[in-house]
Amino acid sequence: MSKSESRNRTALLPSIRCLPEERDAIRQKATDAGLSLGAFMLRCAMSRKIVPQTDHKLIMELSRLGGLQKHLFTQGKGIGSKEYSEVLQELKKAILRIDQRFD
């Protein structure tokens, strides 16, 4: 947002009543998106796209751990394959949750 656009934003909206859990969830989503609470609420209300500031280091670490888990599975000749499979599935779900947080 340009400085001139931000200076033109002088109108205020009244406070919004919500449950504490809703407030916490909205604050968390704003934080995850890298936006202030006001900017997040304005983008939601105006149906503007919210691009999450996903922690790429976290995704890379989860991917690395999945690769290590897969390596251990192949080296162990499938011993305990159910447990390995469950861990790999959970890692994949975690990556997808991070990736789709704001879809």
PDB file of N, CA and C in Angstrom:
ATOM      1  N   MET A   1       0.860  -1.170   0.000  1.00  0.00           N
ATOM      2  CA  MET A   1       0.000   0.000   0.000  1.00  0.00           C
ATOM      3  C   MET A   1       0.901   1.226   0.000  1.00  0.00           C
ATOM      4  N   SER A   2       0.622   2.177  -0.862  1.00  0.00           N
ATOM      5  CA  SER A   2       1.417   3.394  -0.936  1.00  0.00           C
ATOM      6  C   SER A   2       1.109   4.286   0.261  1.00  0.00           C
ATOM      7  N   LYS A   3       2.035   5.215   0.505  1.00  0.00           N
ATOM      8  CA  LYS A   3       1.838   6.129   1.635  1.00  0.00           C
ATOM      9  C   LYS A   3       0.604   6.991   1.432  1.00  0.00           C
ATOM     10  N   SER A   4       0.382   7.430   0.193  1.00  0.00           N
ATOM     11  CA  SER A   4      -0.789   8.285  -0.048  1.00  0.00           C
ATOM     12  C   SER A   4      -2.085   7.511   0.193  1.00  0.00           C
ATOM     13  N   GLU A   5      -2.102   6.231  -0.181  1.00  0.00           N
ATOM     14  CA  GLU A   5      -3.298   5.421   0.057  1.00  0.00           C
ATOM     15  C   GLU A   5      -3.524   5.239   1.551  1.00  0.00           C
ATOM     16  N   SER A   6      -2.459   5.015   2.295  1.00  0.00           N
ATOM     17  CA  SER A   6      -2.613   4.806   3.734  1.00  0.00           C
ATOM     18  C   SER A   6      -3.054   6.102   4.421  1.00  0.00           C
ATOM     19  N   ARG A   7      -2.618   7.251   3.935  1.00  0.00           N
ATOM     20  CA  ARG A   7      -3.053   8.531   4.514  1.00  0.00           C
ATOM     21  C   ARG A   7      -4.519   8.814   4.232  1.00  0.00           C
ATOM     22  N   ASN A   8      -5.037   8.273   3.118  1.00  0.00           N
ATOM     23  CA  ASN A   8      -6.440   8.491   2.773  1.00  0.00           C
ATOM     24  C   ASN A   8      -7.371   7.608   3.588  1.00  0.00           C
ATOM     25  N   ARG A   9      -6.854   6.626   4.250  1.00  0.00           N
ATOM     26  CA  ARG A   9      -7.683   5.730   5.063  1.00  0.00           C
ATOM     27  C   ARG A   9      -7.918   6.369   6.430  1.00  0.00           C
ATOM     28  N   THR A  10      -8.911   7.224   6.474  1.00  0.00           N
ATOM     29  CA  THR A  10      -9.183   7.952   7.710  1.00  0.00           C
ATOM     30  C   THR A  10     -10.469   7.504   8.398  1.00  0.00           C
ATOM     31  N   ALA A  11     -11.326   6.773   7.682  1.00  0.00           N
ATOM     32  CA  ALA A  11     -12.595   6.333   8.273  1.00  0.00           C
ATOM     33  C   ALA A  11     -12.350   5.139   9.185  1.00  0.00           C
ATOM     34  N   LEU A  12     -13.065   5.115  10.292  1.00  0.00           N
ATOM     35  CA  LEU A  12     -12.943   4.018  11.258  1.00  0.00           C
ATOM     36  C   LEU A  12     -14.246   3.241  11.332  1.00  0.00           C
ATOM     37  N   LEU A  13     -14.128   1.962  11.594  1.00  0.00           N
ATOM     38  CA  LEU A  13     -15.307   1.122  11.818  1.00  0.00           C
ATOM     39  C   LEU A  13     -15.451   0.884  13.311  1.00  0.00           C
ATOM     40  N   PRO A  14     -16.680   0.654  13.774  1.00  0.00           N
ATOM     41  CA  PRO A  14     -16.858   0.357  15.204  1.00  0.00           C
ATOM     42  C   PRO A  14     -16.254  -0.999  15.558  1.00  0.00           C
ATOM     43  N   SER A  15     -16.089  -1.221  16.811  1.00  0.00           N
ATOM     44  CA  SER A  15     -15.553  -2.494  17.295  1.00  0.00           C
ATOM     45  C   SER A  15     -16.460  -3.652  16.913  1.00  0.00           C
ATOM     46  N   ILE A  16     -15.879  -4.814  16.824  1.00  0.00           N
ATOM     47  CA  ILE A  16     -16.628  -6.019  16.475  1.00  0.00           C
ATOM     48  C   ILE A  16     -16.684  -6.917  17.709  1.00  0.00           C
ATOM     49  N   ARG A  17     -17.876  -7.383  18.043  1.00  0.00           N
ATOM     50  CA  ARG A  17     -18.019  -8.314  19.170  1.00  0.00           C
ATOM     51  C   ARG A  17     -17.880  -9.738  18.666  1.00  0.00           C
ATOM     52  N   CYS A  18     -17.114 -10.534  19.417  1.00  0.00           N
ATOM     53  CA  CYS A  18     -16.935 -11.940  19.061  1.00  0.00           C
ATOM     54  C   CYS A  18     -16.550 -12.714  20.320  1.00  0.00           C
ATOM     55  N   LEU A  19     -16.539 -14.022  20.188  1.00  0.00           N
ATOM     56  CA  LEU A  19     -16.114 -14.870  21.292  1.00  0.00           C
ATOM     57  C   LEU A  19     -14.599 -14.812  21.426  1.00  0.00           C
ATOM     58  N   PRO A  20     -14.072 -15.025  22.624  1.00  0.00           N
ATOM     59  CA  PRO A  20     -12.610 -15.022  22.789  1.00  0.00           C
ATOM     60  C   PRO A  20     -11.902 -16.013  21.856  1.00  0.00           C
ATOM     61  N   GLU A  21     -12.537 -17.167  21.624  1.00  0.00           N
ATOM     62  CA  GLU A  21     -11.923 -18.168  20.737  1.00  0.00           C
ATOM     63  C   GLU A  21     -11.870 -17.656  19.299  1.00  0.00           C
ATOM     64  N   GLU A  22     -12.930 -16.943  18.897  1.00  0.00           N
ATOM     65  CA  GLU A  22     -12.960 -16.378  17.550  1.00  0.00           C
ATOM     66  C   GLU A  22     -11.888 -15.299  17.407  1.00  0.00           C
ATOM     67  N   ARG A  23     -11.779 -14.455  18.413  1.00  0.00           N
ATOM     68  CA  ARG A  23     -10.762 -13.401  18.414  1.00  0.00           C
ATOM     69  C   ARG A  23      -9.372 -14.001  18.275  1.00  0.00           C
ATOM     70  N   ASP A  24      -9.104 -15.053  19.063  1.00  0.00           N
ATOM     71  CA  ASP A  24      -7.789 -15.692  19.018  1.00  0.00           C
ATOM     72  C   ASP A  24      -7.516 -16.322  17.659  1.00  0.00           C
ATOM     73  N   ALA A  25      -8.531 -16.951  17.073  1.00  0.00           N
ATOM     74  CA  ALA A  25      -8.368 -17.586  15.763  1.00  0.00           C
ATOM     75  C   ALA A  25      -8.097 -16.537  14.684  1.00  0.00           C
ATOM     76  N   ILE A  26      -8.818 -15.415  14.741  1.00  0.00           N
ATOM     77  CA  ILE A  26      -8.631 -14.347  13.756  1.00  0.00           C
ATOM     78  C   ILE A  26      -7.243 -13.732  13.907  1.00  0.00           C
ATOM     79  N   ARG A  27      -6.841 -13.488  15.135  1.00  0.00           N
ATOM     80  CA  ARG A  27      -5.491 -12.947  15.370  1.00  0.00           C
ATOM     81  C   ARG A  27      -4.414 -13.892  14.831  1.00  0.00           C
ATOM     82  N   GLN A  28      -4.605 -15.197  15.058  1.00  0.00           N
ATOM     83  CA  GLN A  28      -3.632 -16.173  14.585  1.00  0.00           C
ATOM     84  C   GLN A  28      -3.560 -16.184  13.066  1.00  0.00           C
ATOM     85  N   LYS A  29      -4.715 -16.109  12.415  1.00  0.00           N
ATOM     86  CA  LYS A  29      -4.734 -16.084  10.948  1.00  0.00           C
ATOM     87  C   LYS A  29      -4.048 -14.833  10.418  1.00  0.00           C
ATOM     88  N   ALA A  30      -4.278 -13.700  11.064  1.00  0.00           N
ATOM     89  CA  ALA A  30      -3.622 -12.456  10.645  1.00  0.00           C
ATOM     90  C   ALA A  30      -2.108 -12.576  10.807  1.00  0.00           C
ATOM     91  N   THR A  31      -1.682 -13.125  11.917  1.00  0.00           N
ATOM     92  CA  THR A  31      -0.254 -13.328  12.160  1.00  0.00           C
ATOM     93  C   THR A  31       0.341 -14.260  11.117  1.00  0.00           C
ATOM     94  N   ASP A  32      -0.357 -15.358  10.842  1.00  0.00           N
ATOM     95  CA  ASP A  32       0.125 -16.323   9.849  1.00  0.00           C
ATOM     96  C   ASP A  32       0.248 -15.689   8.462  1.00  0.00           C
ATOM     97  N   ALA A  33      -0.632 -14.734   8.178  1.00  0.00           N
ATOM     98  CA  ALA A  33      -0.616 -14.064   6.877  1.00  0.00           C
ATOM     99  C   ALA A  33       0.402 -12.927   6.840  1.00  0.00           C
ATOM    100  N   GLY A  34       0.977 -12.602   7.998  1.00  0.00           N
ATOM    101  CA  GLY A  34       1.936 -11.505   8.060  1.00  0.00           C
ATOM    102  C   GLY A  34       1.278 -10.141   7.952  1.00  0.00           C
ATOM    103  N   LEU A  35       0.021 -10.045   8.410  1.00  0.00           N
ATOM    104  CA  LEU A  35      -0.739  -8.802   8.320  1.00  0.00           C
ATOM    105  C   LEU A  35      -1.149  -8.331   9.708  1.00  0.00           C
ATOM    106  N   SER A  36      -1.406  -7.024   9.804  1.00  0.00           N
ATOM    107  CA  SER A  36      -1.997  -6.520  11.041  1.00  0.00           C
ATOM    108  C   SER A  36      -3.435  -7.035  11.095  1.00  0.00           C
ATOM    109  N   LEU A  37      -4.017  -6.981  12.263  1.00  0.00           N
ATOM    110  CA  LEU A  37      -5.394  -7.445  12.415  1.00  0.00           C
ATOM    111  C   LEU A  37      -6.341  -6.627  11.534  1.00  0.00           C
ATOM    112  N   GLY A  38      -6.159  -5.310  11.513  1.00  0.00           N
ATOM    113  CA  GLY A  38      -7.011  -4.454  10.696  1.00  0.00           C
ATOM    114  C   GLY A  38      -6.882  -4.740   9.206  1.00  0.00           C
ATOM    115  N   ALA A  39      -5.633  -4.906   8.739  1.00  0.00           N
ATOM    116  CA  ALA A  39      -5.407  -5.203   7.318  1.00  0.00           C
ATOM    117  C   ALA A  39      -6.013  -6.552   6.954  1.00  0.00           C
ATOM    118  N   PHE A  40      -5.887  -7.526   7.845  1.00  0.00           N
ATOM    119  CA  PHE A  40      -6.453  -8.851   7.599  1.00  0.00           C
ATOM    120  C   PHE A  40      -7.976  -8.779   7.500  1.00  0.00           C
ATOM    121  N   MET A  41      -8.613  -8.095   8.454  1.00  0.00           N
ATOM    122  CA  MET A  41     -10.067  -7.981   8.465  1.00  0.00           C
ATOM    123  C   MET A  41     -10.562  -7.232   7.219  1.00  0.00           C
ATOM    124  N   LEU A  42      -9.856  -6.179   6.816  1.00  0.00           N
ATOM    125  CA  LEU A  42     -10.250  -5.417   5.638  1.00  0.00           C
ATOM    126  C   LEU A  42     -10.161  -6.278   4.379  1.00  0.00           C
ATOM    127  N   ARG A  43      -9.086  -7.044   4.255  1.00  0.00           N
ATOM    128  CA  ARG A  43      -8.943  -7.913   3.082  1.00  0.00           C
ATOM    129  C   ARG A  43     -10.031  -8.985   3.054  1.00  0.00           C
ATOM    130  N   CYS A  44     -10.353  -9.535   4.205  1.00  0.00           N
ATOM    131  CA  CYS A  44     -11.427 -10.539   4.252  1.00  0.00           C
ATOM    132  C   CYS A  44     -12.758  -9.910   3.838  1.00  0.00           C
ATOM    133  N   ALA A  45     -13.068  -8.756   4.387  1.00  0.00           N
ATOM    134  CA  ALA A  45     -14.354  -8.105   4.112  1.00  0.00           C
ATOM    135  C   ALA A  45     -14.478  -7.676   2.652  1.00  0.00           C
ATOM    136  N   MET A  46     -13.369  -7.311   2.039  1.00  0.00           N
ATOM    137  CA  MET A  46     -13.397  -6.842   0.654  1.00  0.00           C
ATOM    138  C   MET A  46     -13.117  -7.981  -0.335  1.00  0.00           C
ATOM    139  N   SER A  47     -13.104  -9.214   0.164  1.00  0.00           N
ATOM    140  CA  SER A  47     -12.859 -10.411  -0.659  1.00  0.00           C
ATOM    141  C   SER A  47     -11.559 -10.311  -1.454  1.00  0.00           C
ATOM    142  N   ARG A  48     -10.549  -9.739  -0.833  1.00  0.00           N
ATOM    143  CA  ARG A  48      -9.237  -9.656  -1.468  1.00  0.00           C
ATOM    144  C   ARG A  48      -8.424 -10.885  -1.102  1.00  0.00           C
ATOM    145  N   LYS A  49      -7.523 -11.227  -1.975  1.00  0.00           N
ATOM    146  CA  LYS A  49      -6.697 -12.414  -1.760  1.00  0.00           C
ATOM    147  C   LYS A  49      -5.746 -12.196  -0.583  1.00  0.00           C
ATOM    148  N   ILE A  50      -5.628 -13.216   0.231  1.00  0.00           N
ATOM    149  CA  ILE A  50      -4.694 -13.190   1.352  1.00  0.00           C
ATOM    150  C   ILE A  50      -3.611 -14.216   1.034  1.00  0.00           C
ATOM    151  N   VAL A  51      -2.398 -13.740   0.875  1.00  0.00           N
ATOM    152  CA  VAL A  51      -1.280 -14.625   0.561  1.00  0.00           C
ATOM    153  C   VAL A  51      -0.542 -14.916   1.864  1.00  0.00           C
ATOM    154  N   PRO A  52      -0.573 -16.158   2.328  1.00  0.00           N
ATOM    155  CA  PRO A  52       0.091 -16.477   3.587  1.00  0.00           C
ATOM    156  C   PRO A  52       1.605 -16.367   3.470  1.00  0.00           C
ATOM    157  N   GLN A  53       2.228 -15.954   4.539  1.00  0.00           N
ATOM    158  CA  GLN A  53       3.685 -15.900   4.616  1.00  0.00           C
ATOM    159  C   GLN A  53       4.159 -17.216   5.229  1.00  0.00           C
ATOM    160  N   THR A  54       4.088 -18.263   4.419  1.00  0.00           N
ATOM    161  CA  THR A  54       4.410 -19.600   4.903  1.00  0.00           C
ATOM    162  C   THR A  54       5.886 -19.703   5.229  1.00  0.00           C
ATOM    163  N   ASP A  55       6.179 -20.366   6.299  1.00  0.00           N
ATOM    164  CA  ASP A  55       7.560 -20.573   6.714  1.00  0.00           C
ATOM    165  C   ASP A  55       8.172 -21.668   5.847  1.00  0.00           C
ATOM    166  N   HIS A  56       8.923 -21.261   4.831  1.00  0.00           N
ATOM    167  CA  HIS A  56       9.500 -22.222   3.897  1.00  0.00           C
ATOM    168  C   HIS A  56      10.531 -23.129   4.581  1.00  0.00           C
ATOM    169  N   LYS A  57      11.198 -22.615   5.609  1.00  0.00           N
ATOM    170  CA  LYS A  57      12.152 -23.452   6.351  1.00  0.00           C
ATOM    171  C   LYS A  57      11.413 -24.618   7.008  1.00  0.00           C
ATOM    172  N   LEU A  58      10.235 -24.346   7.540  1.00  0.00           N
ATOM    173  CA  LEU A  58       9.443 -25.393   8.184  1.00  0.00           C
ATOM    174  C   LEU A  58       9.027 -26.454   7.170  1.00  0.00           C
ATOM    175  N   ILE A  59       8.572 -26.027   5.999  1.00  0.00           N
ATOM    176  CA  ILE A  59       8.172 -26.977   4.964  1.00  0.00           C
ATOM    177  C   ILE A  59       9.368 -27.816   4.527  1.00  0.00           C
ATOM    178  N   MET A  60      10.517 -27.178   4.343  1.00  0.00           N
ATOM    179  CA  MET A  60      11.714 -27.910   3.926  1.00  0.00           C
ATOM    180  C   MET A  60      12.139 -28.924   5.003  1.00  0.00           C
ATOM    181  N   GLU A  61      12.028 -28.542   6.249  1.00  0.00           N
ATOM    182  CA  GLU A  61      12.394 -29.467   7.329  1.00  0.00           C
ATOM    183  C   GLU A  61      11.441 -30.655   7.377  1.00  0.00           C
ATOM    184  N   LEU A  62      10.147 -30.407   7.194  1.00  0.00           N
ATOM    185  CA  LEU A  62       9.193 -31.511   7.156  1.00  0.00           C
ATOM    186  C   LEU A  62       9.476 -32.437   5.974  1.00  0.00           C
ATOM    187  N   SER A  63       9.818 -31.849   4.840  1.00  0.00           N
ATOM    188  CA  SER A  63      10.160 -32.663   3.673  1.00  0.00           C
ATOM    189  C   SER A  63      11.421 -33.483   3.926  1.00  0.00           C
ATOM    190  N   ARG A  64      12.400 -32.858   4.565  1.00  0.00           N
ATOM    191  CA  ARG A  64      13.646 -33.566   4.895  1.00  0.00           C
ATOM    192  C   ARG A  64      13.361 -34.742   5.832  1.00  0.00           C
ATOM    193  N   LEU A  65      12.542 -34.507   6.834  1.00  0.00           N
ATOM    194  CA  LEU A  65      12.201 -35.577   7.774  1.00  0.00           C
ATOM    195  C   LEU A  65      11.449 -36.705   7.070  1.00  0.00           C
ATOM    196  N   GLY A  66      10.578 -36.354   6.129  1.00  0.00           N
ATOM    197  CA  GLY A  66       9.877 -37.374   5.353  1.00  0.00           C
ATOM    198  C   GLY A  66      10.847 -38.203   4.538  1.00  0.00           C
ATOM    199  N   GLY A  67      11.860 -37.563   3.944  1.00  0.00           N
ATOM    200  CA  GLY A  67      12.874 -38.278   3.180  1.00  0.00           C
ATOM    201  C   GLY A  67      13.681 -39.217   4.063  1.00  0.00           C
ATOM    202  N   LEU A  68      14.033 -38.746   5.243  1.00  0.00           N
ATOM    203  CA  LEU A  68      14.766 -39.604   6.181  1.00  0.00           C
ATOM    204  C   LEU A  68      13.911 -40.792   6.625  1.00  0.00           C
ATOM    205  N   GLN A  69      12.648 -40.539   6.871  1.00  0.00           N
ATOM    206  CA  GLN A  69      11.745 -41.616   7.269  1.00  0.00           C
ATOM    207  C   GLN A  69      11.632 -42.653   6.166  1.00  0.00           C
ATOM    208  N   LYS A  70      11.519 -42.191   4.922  1.00  0.00           N
ATOM    209  CA  LYS A  70      11.434 -43.102   3.780  1.00  0.00           C
ATOM    210  C   LYS A  70      12.724 -43.918   3.646  1.00  0.00           C
ATOM    211  N   HIS A  71      13.862 -43.263   3.864  1.00  0.00           N
ATOM    212  CA  HIS A  71      15.151 -43.962   3.813  1.00  0.00           C
ATOM    213  C   HIS A  71      15.224 -45.057   4.880  1.00  0.00           C
ATOM    214  N   LEU A  72      14.805 -44.732   6.093  1.00  0.00           N
ATOM    215  CA  LEU A  72      14.811 -45.729   7.168  1.00  0.00           C
ATOM    216  C   LEU A  72      13.888 -46.897   6.837  1.00  0.00           C
ATOM    217  N   PHE A  73      12.760 -46.597   6.203  1.00  0.00           N
ATOM    218  CA  PHE A  73      11.827 -47.648   5.815  1.00  0.00           C
ATOM    219  C   PHE A  73      12.476 -48.608   4.824  1.00  0.00           C
ATOM    220  N   THR A  74      13.139 -48.072   3.800  1.00  0.00           N
ATOM    221  CA  THR A  74      13.747 -48.944   2.787  1.00  0.00           C
ATOM    222  C   THR A  74      14.938 -49.700   3.360  1.00  0.00           C
ATOM    223  N   GLN A  75      15.694 -49.078   4.248  1.00  0.00           N
ATOM    224  CA  GLN A  75      16.837 -49.756   4.867  1.00  0.00           C
ATOM    225  C   GLN A  75      16.385 -50.845   5.824  1.00  0.00           C
ATOM    226  N   GLY A  76      15.238 -50.655   6.448  1.00  0.00           N
ATOM    227  CA  GLY A  76      14.713 -51.634   7.396  1.00  0.00           C
ATOM    228  C   GLY A  76      13.914 -52.733   6.718  1.00  0.00           C
ATOM    229  N   LYS A  77      13.891 -52.747   5.394  1.00  0.00           N
ATOM    230  CA  LYS A  77      13.188 -53.763   4.596  1.00  0.00           C
ATOM    231  C   LYS A  77      11.708 -53.867   4.976  1.00  0.00           C
ATOM    232  N   GLY A  78      11.116 -52.744   5.338  1.00  0.00           N
ATOM    233  CA  GLY A  78       9.682 -52.732   5.601  1.00  0.00           C
ATOM    234  C   GLY A  78       9.296 -53.214   6.988  1.00  0.00           C
ATOM    235  N   ILE A  79      10.287 -53.474   7.850  1.00  0.00           N
ATOM    236  CA  ILE A  79       9.957 -53.911   9.211  1.00  0.00           C
ATOM    237  C   ILE A  79       9.251 -52.750   9.914  1.00  0.00           C
ATOM    238  N   GLY A  80       8.109 -53.029  10.504  1.00  0.00           N
ATOM    239  CA  GLY A  80       7.302 -51.991  11.146  1.00  0.00           C
ATOM    240  C   GLY A  80       6.699 -51.054  10.110  1.00  0.00           C
ATOM    241  N   SER A  81       6.354 -51.605   8.944  1.00  0.00           N
ATOM    242  CA  SER A  81       5.905 -50.759   7.839  1.00  0.00           C
ATOM    243  C   SER A  81       4.662 -49.939   8.179  1.00  0.00           C
ATOM    244  N   LYS A  82       3.804 -50.458   9.043  1.00  0.00           N
ATOM    245  CA  LYS A  82       2.610 -49.706   9.403  1.00  0.00           C
ATOM    246  C   LYS A  82       2.997 -48.415  10.123  1.00  0.00           C
ATOM    247  N   GLU A  83       3.939 -48.502  11.040  1.00  0.00           N
ATOM    248  CA  GLU A  83       4.380 -47.317  11.772  1.00  0.00           C
ATOM    249  C   GLU A  83       5.054 -46.318  10.845  1.00  0.00           C
ATOM    250  N   TYR A  84       5.912 -46.801   9.960  1.00  0.00           N
ATOM    251  CA  TYR A  84       6.573 -45.912   9.005  1.00  0.00           C
ATOM    252  C   TYR A  84       5.535 -45.210   8.129  1.00  0.00           C
ATOM    253  N   SER A  85       4.577 -45.970   7.671  1.00  0.00           N
ATOM    254  CA  SER A  85       3.537 -45.437   6.804  1.00  0.00           C
ATOM    255  C   SER A  85       2.734 -44.349   7.521  1.00  0.00           C
ATOM    256  N   GLU A  86       2.417 -44.577   8.772  1.00  0.00           N
ATOM    257  CA  GLU A  86       1.650 -43.599   9.547  1.00  0.00           C
ATOM    258  C   GLU A  86       2.436 -42.302   9.713  1.00  0.00           C
ATOM    259  N   VAL A  87       3.739 -42.415   9.984  1.00  0.00           N
ATOM    260  CA  VAL A  87       4.562 -41.218  10.155  1.00  0.00           C
ATOM    261  C   VAL A  87       4.640 -40.447   8.843  1.00  0.00           C
ATOM    262  N   LEU A  88       4.868 -41.138   7.738  1.00  0.00           N
ATOM    263  CA  LEU A  88       4.935 -40.477   6.441  1.00  0.00           C
ATOM    264  C   LEU A  88       3.617 -39.783   6.091  1.00  0.00           C
ATOM    265  N   GLN A  89       2.506 -40.426   6.395  1.00  0.00           N
ATOM    266  CA  GLN A  89       1.206 -39.822   6.121  1.00  0.00           C
ATOM    267  C   GLN A  89       0.983 -38.566   6.960  1.00  0.00           C
ATOM    268  N   GLU A  90       1.397 -38.609   8.209  1.00  0.00           N
ATOM    269  CA  GLU A  90       1.241 -37.437   9.072  1.00  0.00           C
ATOM    270  C   GLU A  90       2.124 -36.289   8.611  1.00  0.00           C
ATOM    271  N   LEU A  91       3.349 -36.589   8.173  1.00  0.00           N
ATOM    272  CA  LEU A  91       4.224 -35.547   7.639  1.00  0.00           C
ATOM    273  C   LEU A  91       3.596 -34.906   6.403  1.00  0.00           C
ATOM    274  N   LYS A  92       3.049 -35.727   5.527  1.00  0.00           N
ATOM    275  CA  LYS A  92       2.414 -35.221   4.313  1.00  0.00           C
ATOM    276  C   LYS A  92       1.206 -34.347   4.665  1.00  0.00           C
ATOM    277  N   LYS A  93       0.392 -34.786   5.624  1.00  0.00           N
ATOM    278  CA  LYS A  93      -0.768 -33.996   6.050  1.00  0.00           C
ATOM    279  C   LYS A  93      -0.335 -32.646   6.620  1.00  0.00           C
ATOM    280  N   ALA A  94       0.754 -32.642   7.402  1.00  0.00           N
ATOM    281  CA  ALA A  94       1.247 -31.394   7.997  1.00  0.00           C
ATOM    282  C   ALA A  94       1.683 -30.417   6.915  1.00  0.00           C
ATOM    283  N   ILE A  95       2.382 -30.916   5.910  1.00  0.00           N
ATOM    284  CA  ILE A  95       2.819 -30.055   4.808  1.00  0.00           C
ATOM    285  C   ILE A  95       1.616 -29.491   4.061  1.00  0.00           C
ATOM    286  N   LEU A  96       0.615 -30.323   3.810  1.00  0.00           N
ATOM    287  CA  LEU A  96      -0.577 -29.859   3.098  1.00  0.00           C
ATOM    288  C   LEU A  96      -1.357 -28.835   3.919  1.00  0.00           C
ATOM    289  N   ARG A  97      -1.432 -29.026   5.245  1.00  0.00           N
ATOM    290  CA  ARG A  97      -2.142 -28.063   6.100  1.00  0.00           C
ATOM    291  C   ARG A  97      -1.456 -26.705   6.044  1.00  0.00           C
ATOM    292  N   ILE A  98      -0.141 -26.708   6.060  1.00  0.00           N
ATOM    293  CA  ILE A  98       0.595 -25.440   5.998  1.00  0.00           C
ATOM    294  C   ILE A  98       0.354 -24.787   4.648  1.00  0.00           C
ATOM    295  N   ASP A  99       0.419 -25.577   3.602  1.00  0.00           N
ATOM    296  CA  ASP A  99       0.290 -25.063   2.244  1.00  0.00           C
ATOM    297  C   ASP A  99      -1.114 -24.532   1.952  1.00  0.00           C
ATOM    298  N   GLN A 100      -2.135 -25.109   2.557  1.00  0.00           N
ATOM    299  CA  GLN A 100      -3.524 -24.738   2.264  1.00  0.00           C
ATOM    300  C   GLN A 100      -4.180 -23.921   3.356  1.00  0.00           C
ATOM    301  N   ARG A 101      -3.397 -23.339   4.217  1.00  0.00           N
ATOM    302  CA  ARG A 101      -3.915 -22.639   5.393  1.00  0.00           C
ATOM    303  C   ARG A 101      -4.940 -21.571   5.058  1.00  0.00           C
ATOM    304  N   PHE A 102      -4.767 -20.879   3.930  1.00  0.00           N
ATOM    305  CA  PHE A 102      -5.673 -19.776   3.610  1.00  0.00           C
ATOM    306  C   PHE A 102      -6.487 -20.026   2.360  1.00  0.00           C
ATOM    307  N   ASP A 103      -6.610 -21.246   1.929  1.00  0.00           N
ATOM    308  CA  ASP A 103      -7.436 -21.537   0.741  1.00  0.00           C
ATOM    309  C   ASP A 103      -8.901 -21.533   1.086  1.00  0.00           C
TER     310      ASP A 103
END
